[in-house]
Amino acid sequence: MRFATISTSAGPIAAVQLADGRFLPIAAACETEGVAHAALRQGSLQAVIEGGAAALNALAPLLAKANAGDSGLAALAVTDAVMLAPLPMPRKNVFCVGRNYAEHIAEGARAQNTTVAVTEVPVYFTKPSTAVIGPGATVPIFPHVSTQIDYEVELAIIIGTAGRDIPKDRAYDHVWGYTVLNDVTARDVQRRHGGQYFKGKGLDGSCPMGPVVVTRDELADPQNLALRCLVNGEVRQNSTTAQMIFDIPTLIASLSEGLTLEPGDILATGTPSGVGYAMTPPNFLKDGDTVTCEVEGIGQLTNPVRTV
């Protein structure tokens, strides 16, 4: 299934995508069909995720009826929905992984004229919930803060089942789905603060996500998905998740060591080479640019860039 959070006059609501591309509001569909599942009727994607397999199983017949043309459900379907981030206000900071593609490490070393080694364990940082924006929303540039805003396409994991000290061979049991994430980074801020990641990667609007979350069963091999990032239609990043240094089970196992992962937690898995600061000369985002991040099997996440 493919899920989104869409904007309505009554506020954000969770919706499931139909085969024709329209979105079916989940809570309204349950009310129409008399489905009493509490997680589905709550109206948020967070609640659907927390509902686990039982919520998906309860939703499946409604989705099938809507795709078959049921008139009552078809009348609820939204065309040209205004999309928000799938989880517009995550309950925790977004977990992120740095230095997880060898070519990205290499290009960074060249750009900084230094040696950057592959770490023995994953490098983690976080982005605050105030950084999260959805497709079509503006990535802001704050000139008084940064003049070196960069892009990073990433596959993001949505946790579905809570766990701590998760073994690698059970890691996928804890995954609910996947989405596209752009780890927007203020490179000069990152350097100014001693090379630590949080401040340079935590500015408002620096975590575009979406457009949808695809459930785990929809992607046969998340470790072999094409990734691309385009700026004004020009391909800047072009790789696959097969190039990760630390694969998805390793990331989940490592992050969960002594740290409980919970339903709705988000983990961005790192970016490949092709970022702006490593180009010759460096090519940072500027006012008027449009950035599109793509992950195979999920979709395109497009955001304009504007000076504020």
C-alpha atoms as a PDB file:
ATOM      1  CA  MET A   1       0.000   0.000   0.000  1.00  0.00           C
ATOM      2  CA  ARG A   2       0.970   3.617  -0.542  1.00  0.00           C
ATOM      3  CA  PHE A   3       0.064   6.145   2.141  1.00  0.00           C
ATOM      4  CA  ALA A   4       0.123   9.922   2.330  1.00  0.00           C
ATOM      5  CA  THR A   5      -0.936  12.746   4.580  1.00  0.00           C
ATOM      6  CA  ILE A   6      -3.025  15.253   2.674  1.00  0.00           C
ATOM      7  CA  SER A   7      -4.190  18.738   3.553  1.00  0.00           C
ATOM      8  CA  THR A   8      -7.907  19.412   3.986  1.00  0.00           C
ATOM      9  CA  SER A   9      -9.997  22.261   5.387  1.00  0.00           C
ATOM     10  CA  ALA A  10     -10.375  20.185   8.541  1.00  0.00           C
ATOM     11  CA  GLY A  11      -6.609  19.661   8.877  1.00  0.00           C
ATOM     12  CA  PRO A  12      -4.137  16.933   7.870  1.00  0.00           C
ATOM     13  CA  ILE A  13      -5.594  13.464   7.268  1.00  0.00           C
ATOM     14  CA  ALA A  14      -4.125  10.088   6.379  1.00  0.00           C
ATOM     15  CA  ALA A  15      -5.036   8.669   2.988  1.00  0.00           C
ATOM     16  CA  VAL A  16      -4.234   5.562   0.976  1.00  0.00           C
ATOM     17  CA  GLN A  17      -3.483   5.820  -2.725  1.00  0.00           C
ATOM     18  CA  LEU A  18      -5.783   4.136  -5.225  1.00  0.00           C
ATOM     19  CA  ALA A  19      -4.660   2.422  -8.412  1.00  0.00           C
ATOM     20  CA  ASP A  20      -5.730   5.467 -10.461  1.00  0.00           C
ATOM     21  CA  GLY A  21      -3.548   7.794  -8.374  1.00  0.00           C
ATOM     22  CA  ARG A  22      -6.315   9.382  -6.308  1.00  0.00           C
ATOM     23  CA  PHE A  23      -6.225   9.301  -2.510  1.00  0.00           C
ATOM     24  CA  LEU A  24      -8.881   7.739  -0.305  1.00  0.00           C
ATOM     25  CA  PRO A  25      -9.258   9.403   3.122  1.00  0.00           C
ATOM     26  CA  ILE A  26      -8.943   6.519   5.549  1.00  0.00           C
ATOM     27  CA  ALA A  27     -11.104   7.699   8.452  1.00  0.00           C
ATOM     28  CA  ALA A  28     -13.935   8.803   6.163  1.00  0.00           C
ATOM     29  CA  ALA A  29     -13.831   5.501   4.297  1.00  0.00           C
ATOM     30  CA  CYS A  30     -14.086   3.602   7.570  1.00  0.00           C
ATOM     31  CA  GLU A  31     -17.067   5.663   8.627  1.00  0.00           C
ATOM     32  CA  THR A  32     -18.798   5.097   5.280  1.00  0.00           C
ATOM     33  CA  GLU A  33     -18.231   1.347   5.432  1.00  0.00           C
ATOM     34  CA  GLY A  34     -18.819   0.933   9.152  1.00  0.00           C
ATOM     35  CA  VAL A  35     -15.280  -0.223   9.902  1.00  0.00           C
ATOM     36  CA  ALA A  36     -14.720   0.261  13.610  1.00  0.00           C
ATOM     37  CA  HIS A  37     -10.931  -0.127  13.713  1.00  0.00           C
ATOM     38  CA  ALA A  38      -9.769   2.598  16.142  1.00  0.00           C
ATOM     39  CA  ALA A  39      -6.363   3.214  14.520  1.00  0.00           C
ATOM     40  CA  LEU A  40      -7.901   3.753  11.097  1.00  0.00           C
ATOM     41  CA  ARG A  41     -10.666   6.017  12.412  1.00  0.00           C
ATOM     42  CA  GLN A  42      -8.188   8.198  14.309  1.00  0.00           C
ATOM     43  CA  GLY A  43      -7.221   9.862  11.039  1.00  0.00           C
ATOM     44  CA  SER A  44      -3.430  10.149  11.180  1.00  0.00           C
ATOM     45  CA  LEU A  45      -0.734   8.093   9.513  1.00  0.00           C
ATOM     46  CA  GLN A  46       0.995   7.779  12.884  1.00  0.00           C
ATOM     47  CA  ALA A  47      -2.092   5.982  14.212  1.00  0.00           C
ATOM     48  CA  VAL A  48      -2.213   3.685  11.170  1.00  0.00           C
ATOM     49  CA  ILE A  49       1.448   2.764  11.710  1.00  0.00           C
ATOM     50  CA  GLU A  50       0.833   2.093  15.391  1.00  0.00           C
ATOM     51  CA  GLY A  51      -2.109  -0.102  14.365  1.00  0.00           C
ATOM     52  CA  GLY A  52       0.347  -2.525  12.770  1.00  0.00           C
ATOM     53  CA  ALA A  53      -0.661  -5.468  10.628  1.00  0.00           C
ATOM     54  CA  ALA A  54      -4.203  -5.481  12.030  1.00  0.00           C
ATOM     55  CA  ALA A  55      -4.814  -1.961  10.707  1.00  0.00           C
ATOM     56  CA  LEU A  56      -3.481  -2.851   7.248  1.00  0.00           C
ATOM     57  CA  ASN A  57      -5.588  -6.008   7.176  1.00  0.00           C
ATOM     58  CA  ALA A  58      -8.714  -4.022   8.084  1.00  0.00           C
ATOM     59  CA  LEU A  59      -7.937  -1.435   5.402  1.00  0.00           C
ATOM     60  CA  ALA A  60      -7.265  -3.937   2.600  1.00  0.00           C
ATOM     61  CA  PRO A  61     -10.953  -4.716   1.812  1.00  0.00           C
ATOM     62  CA  LEU A  62     -11.794  -1.003   1.665  1.00  0.00           C
ATOM     63  CA  LEU A  63      -8.926  -0.381  -0.723  1.00  0.00           C
ATOM     64  CA  ALA A  64     -10.043  -3.299  -2.904  1.00  0.00           C
ATOM     65  CA  LYS A  65     -13.635  -1.999  -3.009  1.00  0.00           C
ATOM     66  CA  ALA A  66     -12.502   1.496  -3.916  1.00  0.00           C
ATOM     67  CA  ASN A  67     -10.224   0.198  -6.667  1.00  0.00           C
ATOM     68  CA  ALA A  68     -13.130  -1.882  -7.991  1.00  0.00           C
ATOM     69  CA  GLY A  69     -15.173   1.297  -8.435  1.00  0.00           C
ATOM     70  CA  ASP A  70     -17.463   1.232  -5.395  1.00  0.00           C
ATOM     71  CA  SER A  71     -19.506   4.410  -5.827  1.00  0.00           C
ATOM     72  CA  GLY A  72     -19.616   5.360  -2.155  1.00  0.00           C
ATOM     73  CA  LEU A  73     -15.869   5.101  -1.711  1.00  0.00           C
ATOM     74  CA  ALA A  74     -15.128   6.579  -5.124  1.00  0.00           C
ATOM     75  CA  ALA A  75     -17.046   9.680  -4.089  1.00  0.00           C
ATOM     76  CA  LEU A  76     -14.603  10.175  -1.211  1.00  0.00           C
ATOM     77  CA  ALA A  77     -11.448   9.856  -3.323  1.00  0.00           C
ATOM     78  CA  VAL A  78      -9.398  13.049  -3.658  1.00  0.00           C
ATOM     79  CA  THR A  79      -7.963  14.136  -7.002  1.00  0.00           C
ATOM     80  CA  ASP A  80      -4.974  16.513  -7.073  1.00  0.00           C
ATOM     81  CA  ALA A  81      -4.484  16.201  -3.334  1.00  0.00           C
ATOM     82  CA  VAL A  82      -2.298  18.758  -1.572  1.00  0.00           C
ATOM     83  CA  MET A  83       0.413  16.603  -0.058  1.00  0.00           C
ATOM     84  CA  LEU A  84       2.101  17.165   3.269  1.00  0.00           C
ATOM     85  CA  ALA A  85       5.030  15.242   4.678  1.00  0.00           C
ATOM     86  CA  PRO A  86       3.715  11.720   5.403  1.00  0.00           C
ATOM     87  CA  LEU A  87       4.501  12.301   9.085  1.00  0.00           C
ATOM     88  CA  PRO A  88       4.217  16.093   9.305  1.00  0.00           C
ATOM     89  CA  MET A  89       5.301  16.325  12.947  1.00  0.00           C
ATOM     90  CA  PRO A  90       7.337  13.261  13.923  1.00  0.00           C
ATOM     91  CA  ARG A  91       7.286  12.453  17.614  1.00  0.00           C
ATOM     92  CA  LYS A  92      11.084  12.293  17.675  1.00  0.00           C
ATOM     93  CA  ASN A  93      13.913  13.889  15.807  1.00  0.00           C
ATOM     94  CA  VAL A  94      14.563  12.213  12.469  1.00  0.00           C
ATOM     95  CA  PHE A  95      17.473   9.768  12.768  1.00  0.00           C
ATOM     96  CA  CYS A  96      20.036  10.128   9.982  1.00  0.00           C
ATOM     97  CA  VAL A  97      23.161   8.306   8.848  1.00  0.00           C
ATOM     98  CA  GLY A  98      26.268  10.074   7.599  1.00  0.00           C
ATOM     99  CA  ARG A  99      29.058   8.710   5.405  1.00  0.00           C
ATOM    100  CA  ASN A 100      27.208   5.632   4.191  1.00  0.00           C
ATOM    101  CA  TYR A 101      28.274   5.676   0.521  1.00  0.00           C
ATOM    102  CA  ALA A 102      31.963   5.262  -0.356  1.00  0.00           C
ATOM    103  CA  GLU A 103      31.917   7.639  -3.338  1.00  0.00           C
ATOM    104  CA  HIS A 104      30.300  10.342  -1.216  1.00  0.00           C
ATOM    105  CA  ILE A 105      33.070   9.934   1.364  1.00  0.00           C
ATOM    106  CA  ALA A 106      35.654  10.154  -1.417  1.00  0.00           C
ATOM    107  CA  GLU A 107      34.186  13.288  -2.981  1.00  0.00           C
ATOM    108  CA  GLY A 108      34.036  14.953   0.421  1.00  0.00           C
ATOM    109  CA  ALA A 109      37.691  14.155   1.051  1.00  0.00           C
ATOM    110  CA  ARG A 110      38.660  15.640  -2.317  1.00  0.00           C
ATOM    111  CA  ALA A 111      36.608  18.769  -1.725  1.00  0.00           C
ATOM    112  CA  GLN A 112      38.150  19.310   1.706  1.00  0.00           C
ATOM    113  CA  ASN A 113      41.638  18.219   0.627  1.00  0.00           C
ATOM    114  CA  THR A 114      41.840  15.812   3.485  1.00  0.00           C
ATOM    115  CA  THR A 115      41.590  12.125   4.277  1.00  0.00           C
ATOM    116  CA  VAL A 116      38.187  10.840   5.369  1.00  0.00           C
ATOM    117  CA  ALA A 117      38.175   7.196   6.362  1.00  0.00           C
ATOM    118  CA  VAL A 118      35.266   4.793   6.305  1.00  0.00           C
ATOM    119  CA  THR A 119      34.098   4.390   9.886  1.00  0.00           C
ATOM    120  CA  GLU A 120      33.870   1.007  11.571  1.00  0.00           C
ATOM    121  CA  VAL A 121      30.329   1.710  12.749  1.00  0.00           C
ATOM    122  CA  PRO A 122      27.582   3.960  11.348  1.00  0.00           C
ATOM    123  CA  VAL A 123      27.707   7.694  12.081  1.00  0.00           C
ATOM    124  CA  TYR A 124      24.372   9.049  13.348  1.00  0.00           C
ATOM    125  CA  PHE A 125      22.895  12.503  13.770  1.00  0.00           C
ATOM    126  CA  THR A 126      19.350  13.885  13.939  1.00  0.00           C
ATOM    127  CA  LYS A 127      17.150  16.535  12.360  1.00  0.00           C
ATOM    128  CA  PRO A 128      14.450  18.190  14.500  1.00  0.00           C
ATOM    129  CA  SER A 129      10.774  17.872  13.657  1.00  0.00           C
ATOM    130  CA  THR A 130      10.711  21.589  12.794  1.00  0.00           C
ATOM    131  CA  ALA A 131      12.909  20.744   9.788  1.00  0.00           C
ATOM    132  CA  VAL A 132      10.249  18.461   8.250  1.00  0.00           C
ATOM    133  CA  ILE A 133       8.321  19.752   5.227  1.00  0.00           C
ATOM    134  CA  GLY A 134       6.332  18.007   2.512  1.00  0.00           C
ATOM    135  CA  PRO A 135       6.438  17.841  -1.284  1.00  0.00           C
ATOM    136  CA  GLY A 136       6.002  21.208  -2.938  1.00  0.00           C
ATOM    137  CA  ALA A 137       6.848  23.085   0.238  1.00  0.00           C
ATOM    138  CA  THR A 138       9.607  25.676   0.106  1.00  0.00           C
ATOM    139  CA  VAL A 139      13.152  24.894   1.207  1.00  0.00           C
ATOM    140  CA  PRO A 140      14.129  28.224   2.802  1.00  0.00           C
ATOM    141  CA  ILE A 141      17.520  29.874   2.447  1.00  0.00           C
ATOM    142  CA  PHE A 142      18.497  32.119   5.349  1.00  0.00           C
ATOM    143  CA  PRO A 143      21.336  34.259   3.911  1.00  0.00           C
ATOM    144  CA  HIS A 144      22.293  35.607   7.332  1.00  0.00           C
ATOM    145  CA  VAL A 145      22.858  32.017   8.464  1.00  0.00           C
ATOM    146  CA  SER A 146      24.142  30.159   5.395  1.00  0.00           C
ATOM    147  CA  THR A 147      25.175  30.742   1.795  1.00  0.00           C
ATOM    148  CA  GLN A 148      26.045  27.091   1.145  1.00  0.00           C
ATOM    149  CA  ILE A 149      22.785  25.134   1.092  1.00  0.00           C
ATOM    150  CA  ASP A 150      23.157  21.650  -0.373  1.00  0.00           C
ATOM    151  CA  TYR A 151      20.902  18.708  -1.282  1.00  0.00           C
ATOM    152  CA  GLU A 152      21.138  14.978  -0.414  1.00  0.00           C
ATOM    153  CA  VAL A 153      18.707  12.373  -1.737  1.00  0.00           C
ATOM    154  CA  GLU A 154      18.105   9.484   0.662  1.00  0.00           C
ATOM    155  CA  LEU A 155      15.949   6.431   1.209  1.00  0.00           C
ATOM    156  CA  ALA A 156      14.202   6.771   4.578  1.00  0.00           C
ATOM    157  CA  ILE A 157      12.886   3.897   6.683  1.00  0.00           C
ATOM    158  CA  ILE A 158       9.702   4.159   8.748  1.00  0.00           C
ATOM    159  CA  ILE A 159       9.735   1.941  11.838  1.00  0.00           C
ATOM    160  CA  GLY A 160       6.541  -0.012  12.503  1.00  0.00           C
ATOM    161  CA  THR A 161       7.315  -2.285  15.443  1.00  0.00           C
ATOM    162  CA  ALA A 162       9.069  -1.120  18.591  1.00  0.00           C
ATOM    163  CA  GLY A 163      12.309  -2.751  19.587  1.00  0.00           C
ATOM    164  CA  ARG A 164      15.631  -2.385  21.337  1.00  0.00           C
ATOM    165  CA  ASP A 165      18.810  -4.367  20.605  1.00  0.00           C
ATOM    166  CA  ILE A 166      17.233  -5.607  17.378  1.00  0.00           C
ATOM    167  CA  PRO A 167      19.284  -8.394  15.742  1.00  0.00           C
ATOM    168  CA  LYS A 168      20.158  -7.937  12.088  1.00  0.00           C
ATOM    169  CA  ASP A 169      18.225 -11.033  11.040  1.00  0.00           C
ATOM    170  CA  ARG A 170      15.053  -9.543  12.559  1.00  0.00           C
ATOM    171  CA  ALA A 171      15.562  -5.959  11.382  1.00  0.00           C
ATOM    172  CA  TYR A 172      13.043  -5.992   8.527  1.00  0.00           C
ATOM    173  CA  ASP A 173      10.361  -7.247  10.948  1.00  0.00           C
ATOM    174  CA  HIS A 174      10.511  -3.770  12.499  1.00  0.00           C
ATOM    175  CA  VAL A 175      10.166  -1.850   9.223  1.00  0.00           C
ATOM    176  CA  TRP A 176       6.721  -0.506   8.312  1.00  0.00           C
ATOM    177  CA  GLY A 177       7.613   1.260   5.101  1.00  0.00           C
ATOM    178  CA  TYR A 178       9.855   3.579   3.128  1.00  0.00           C
ATOM    179  CA  THR A 179       9.801   7.141   1.832  1.00  0.00           C
ATOM    180  CA  VAL A 180      12.016   9.691   0.067  1.00  0.00           C
ATOM    181  CA  LEU A 181      13.969  12.239   2.102  1.00  0.00           C
ATOM    182  CA  ASN A 182      16.148  15.204   1.139  1.00  0.00           C
ATOM    183  CA  ASP A 183      18.791  15.837   3.804  1.00  0.00           C
ATOM    184  CA  VAL A 184      19.222  19.554   3.053  1.00  0.00           C
ATOM    185  CA  THR A 185      22.488  20.756   4.583  1.00  0.00           C
ATOM    186  CA  ALA A 186      24.049  24.136   5.332  1.00  0.00           C
ATOM    187  CA  ARG A 187      27.671  23.221   4.631  1.00  0.00           C
ATOM    188  CA  ASP A 188      29.196  26.434   5.995  1.00  0.00           C
ATOM    189  CA  VAL A 189      27.223  26.117   9.216  1.00  0.00           C
ATOM    190  CA  GLN A 190      28.337  22.506   9.520  1.00  0.00           C
ATOM    191  CA  ARG A 191      31.995  23.516   9.167  1.00  0.00           C
ATOM    192  CA  ARG A 192      31.589  26.552  11.424  1.00  0.00           C
ATOM    193  CA  HIS A 193      30.317  24.361  14.230  1.00  0.00           C
ATOM    194  CA  GLY A 194      33.361  22.133  14.238  1.00  0.00           C
ATOM    195  CA  GLY A 195      32.183  19.668  11.630  1.00  0.00           C
ATOM    196  CA  GLN A 196      29.386  18.287  13.811  1.00  0.00           C
ATOM    197  CA  TYR A 197      26.224  17.583  11.878  1.00  0.00           C
ATOM    198  CA  PHE A 198      23.215  18.704  13.888  1.00  0.00           C
ATOM    199  CA  LYS A 199      23.175  22.494  13.492  1.00  0.00           C
ATOM    200  CA  GLY A 200      24.067  22.505   9.787  1.00  0.00           C
ATOM    201  CA  LYS A 201      21.431  19.877   9.043  1.00  0.00           C
ATOM    202  CA  GLY A 202      18.725  21.074  11.433  1.00  0.00           C
ATOM    203  CA  LEU A 203      17.586  24.399   9.999  1.00  0.00           C
ATOM    204  CA  ASP A 204      13.876  24.975   9.434  1.00  0.00           C
ATOM    205  CA  GLY A 205      12.659  23.339   6.226  1.00  0.00           C
ATOM    206  CA  SER A 206      15.790  21.235   5.832  1.00  0.00           C
ATOM    207  CA  CYS A 207      14.055  17.846   5.845  1.00  0.00           C
ATOM    208  CA  PRO A 208      11.659  17.482   2.889  1.00  0.00           C
ATOM    209  CA  MET A 209       9.920  14.080   2.928  1.00  0.00           C
ATOM    210  CA  GLY A 210       7.399  12.249   0.775  1.00  0.00           C
ATOM    211  CA  PRO A 211       5.378  12.214  -1.295  1.00  0.00           C
ATOM    212  CA  VAL A 212       4.197   8.834   0.037  1.00  0.00           C
ATOM    213  CA  VAL A 213       5.206   6.036   2.360  1.00  0.00           C
ATOM    214  CA  VAL A 214       5.303   2.670   0.621  1.00  0.00           C
ATOM    215  CA  THR A 215       4.713  -0.313   2.903  1.00  0.00           C
ATOM    216  CA  ARG A 216       7.474  -2.873   3.286  1.00  0.00           C
ATOM    217  CA  ASP A 217       5.752  -5.543   1.195  1.00  0.00           C
ATOM    218  CA  GLU A 218       5.635  -3.221  -1.849  1.00  0.00           C
ATOM    219  CA  LEU A 219       9.434  -3.143  -2.268  1.00  0.00           C
ATOM    220  CA  ALA A 220      10.895  -6.561  -2.953  1.00  0.00           C
ATOM    221  CA  ASP A 221      14.497  -5.429  -2.444  1.00  0.00           C
ATOM    222  CA  PRO A 222      14.999  -2.064  -0.711  1.00  0.00           C
ATOM    223  CA  GLN A 223      18.725  -2.689  -0.910  1.00  0.00           C
ATOM    224  CA  ASN A 224      18.679  -2.360  -4.703  1.00  0.00           C
ATOM    225  CA  LEU A 225      16.744   0.820  -5.494  1.00  0.00           C
ATOM    226  CA  ALA A 226      17.808   3.583  -7.878  1.00  0.00           C
ATOM    227  CA  LEU A 227      18.390   7.010  -6.289  1.00  0.00           C
ATOM    228  CA  ARG A 228      18.544  10.303  -8.179  1.00  0.00           C
ATOM    229  CA  CYS A 229      18.601  13.982  -7.355  1.00  0.00           C
ATOM    230  CA  LEU A 230      17.975  16.655  -9.983  1.00  0.00           C
ATOM    231  CA  VAL A 231      18.409  20.415  -9.660  1.00  0.00           C
ATOM    232  CA  ASN A 232      16.451  22.366 -12.263  1.00  0.00           C
ATOM    233  CA  GLY A 233      16.225  19.157 -14.288  1.00  0.00           C
ATOM    234  CA  GLU A 234      19.986  18.481 -14.216  1.00  0.00           C
ATOM    235  CA  VAL A 235      20.942  15.104 -12.730  1.00  0.00           C
ATOM    236  CA  ARG A 236      23.331  15.665  -9.837  1.00  0.00           C
ATOM    237  CA  GLN A 237      23.140  12.355  -7.945  1.00  0.00           C
ATOM    238  CA  ASN A 238      22.584   8.983  -9.592  1.00  0.00           C
ATOM    239  CA  SER A 239      23.239   5.778  -7.657  1.00  0.00           C
ATOM    240  CA  THR A 240      21.541   2.837  -5.952  1.00  0.00           C
ATOM    241  CA  THR A 241      20.955   1.720  -2.393  1.00  0.00           C
ATOM    242  CA  ALA A 242      23.130  -1.299  -3.204  1.00  0.00           C
ATOM    243  CA  GLN A 243      26.100   1.031  -2.726  1.00  0.00           C
ATOM    244  CA  MET A 244      25.458   1.553   0.984  1.00  0.00           C
ATOM    245  CA  ILE A 245      28.427   0.747   3.195  1.00  0.00           C
ATOM    246  CA  PHE A 246      26.178  -0.261   6.086  1.00  0.00           C
ATOM    247  CA  ASP A 247      23.037  -2.018   4.851  1.00  0.00           C
ATOM    248  CA  ILE A 248      19.565  -1.549   6.293  1.00  0.00           C
ATOM    249  CA  PRO A 249      19.710  -4.454   8.785  1.00  0.00           C
ATOM    250  CA  THR A 250      23.075  -3.221  10.058  1.00  0.00           C
ATOM    251  CA  LEU A 251      21.752   0.315  10.507  1.00  0.00           C
ATOM    252  CA  ILE A 252      18.670  -0.811  12.430  1.00  0.00           C
ATOM    253  CA  ALA A 253      20.649  -3.213  14.603  1.00  0.00           C
ATOM    254  CA  SER A 254      23.298  -0.594  15.383  1.00  0.00           C
ATOM    255  CA  LEU A 255      20.901   2.279  16.061  1.00  0.00           C
ATOM    256  CA  SER A 256      18.712   0.162  18.330  1.00  0.00           C
ATOM    257  CA  GLU A 257      21.592  -0.883  20.597  1.00  0.00           C
ATOM    258  CA  GLY A 258      20.366   0.320  23.986  1.00  0.00           C
ATOM    259  CA  LEU A 259      17.958   2.702  22.214  1.00  0.00           C
ATOM    260  CA  THR A 260      14.306   1.834  21.704  1.00  0.00           C
ATOM    261  CA  LEU A 261      12.971   2.423  18.202  1.00  0.00           C
ATOM    262  CA  GLU A 262       9.234   3.111  18.149  1.00  0.00           C
ATOM    263  CA  PRO A 263       6.443   3.102  15.554  1.00  0.00           C
ATOM    264  CA  GLY A 264       6.710   6.190  13.382  1.00  0.00           C
ATOM    265  CA  ASP A 265      10.430   6.678  13.941  1.00  0.00           C
ATOM    266  CA  ILE A 266      12.230   7.744  10.772  1.00  0.00           C
ATOM    267  CA  LEU A 267      15.733   6.694   9.739  1.00  0.00           C
ATOM    268  CA  ALA A 268      17.398   8.300   6.712  1.00  0.00           C
ATOM    269  CA  THR A 269      20.025   5.933   5.344  1.00  0.00           C
ATOM    270  CA  GLY A 270      22.644   8.238   3.815  1.00  0.00           C
ATOM    271  CA  THR A 271      23.319   9.863   0.463  1.00  0.00           C
ATOM    272  CA  PRO A 272      25.450   8.923  -2.559  1.00  0.00           C
ATOM    273  CA  SER A 273      27.970  11.114  -4.382  1.00  0.00           C
ATOM    274  CA  GLY A 274      27.088  14.140  -6.491  1.00  0.00           C
ATOM    275  CA  VAL A 275      26.421  16.766  -3.843  1.00  0.00           C
ATOM    276  CA  GLY A 276      26.920  20.431  -4.666  1.00  0.00           C
ATOM    277  CA  TYR A 277      29.806  21.240  -2.338  1.00  0.00           C
ATOM    278  CA  ALA A 278      31.990  18.570  -3.952  1.00  0.00           C
ATOM    279  CA  MET A 279      31.554  19.926  -7.500  1.00  0.00           C
ATOM    280  CA  THR A 280      34.267  22.006  -9.179  1.00  0.00           C
ATOM    281  CA  PRO A 281      33.502  24.774  -8.521  1.00  0.00           C
ATOM    282  CA  PRO A 282      31.012  24.111  -5.714  1.00  0.00           C
ATOM    283  CA  ASN A 283      27.413  24.528  -6.845  1.00  0.00           C
ATOM    284  CA  PHE A 284      25.064  25.291  -3.983  1.00  0.00           C
ATOM    285  CA  LEU A 285      21.311  25.771  -4.092  1.00  0.00           C
ATOM    286  CA  LYS A 286      20.088  29.286  -4.775  1.00  0.00           C
ATOM    287  CA  ASP A 287      16.862  31.231  -4.816  1.00  0.00           C
ATOM    288  CA  GLY A 288      14.583  29.991  -7.602  1.00  0.00           C
ATOM    289  CA  ASP A 289      16.047  26.484  -7.871  1.00  0.00           C
ATOM    290  CA  THR A 290      13.883  23.374  -7.907  1.00  0.00           C
ATOM    291  CA  VAL A 291      15.156  20.152  -6.349  1.00  0.00           C
ATOM    292  CA  THR A 292      13.708  16.744  -7.193  1.00  0.00           C
ATOM    293  CA  CYS A 293      14.705  13.630  -5.246  1.00  0.00           C
ATOM    294  CA  GLU A 294      13.704  10.235  -6.618  1.00  0.00           C
ATOM    295  CA  VAL A 295      13.752   6.747  -5.131  1.00  0.00           C
ATOM    296  CA  GLU A 296      12.741   3.849  -7.339  1.00  0.00           C
ATOM    297  CA  GLY A 297       9.407   2.311  -6.371  1.00  0.00           C
ATOM    298  CA  ILE A 298       8.418   5.250  -4.170  1.00  0.00           C
ATOM    299  CA  GLY A 299       8.284   8.376  -6.314  1.00  0.00           C
ATOM    300  CA  GLN A 300       9.522  11.924  -6.725  1.00  0.00           C
ATOM    301  CA  LEU A 301       9.878  14.547  -4.021  1.00  0.00           C
ATOM    302  CA  THR A 302      10.063  18.046  -5.521  1.00  0.00           C
ATOM    303  CA  ASN A 303      10.642  21.280  -3.612  1.00  0.00           C
ATOM    304  CA  PRO A 304      11.316  24.879  -4.657  1.00  0.00           C
ATOM    305  CA  VAL A 305      14.138  26.819  -3.027  1.00  0.00           C
ATOM    306  CA  ARG A 306      13.525  30.391  -1.911  1.00  0.00           C
ATOM    307  CA  THR A 307      15.387  33.070   0.030  1.00  0.00           C
ATOM    308  CA  VAL A 308      13.468  34.223   3.096  1.00  0.00           C
END
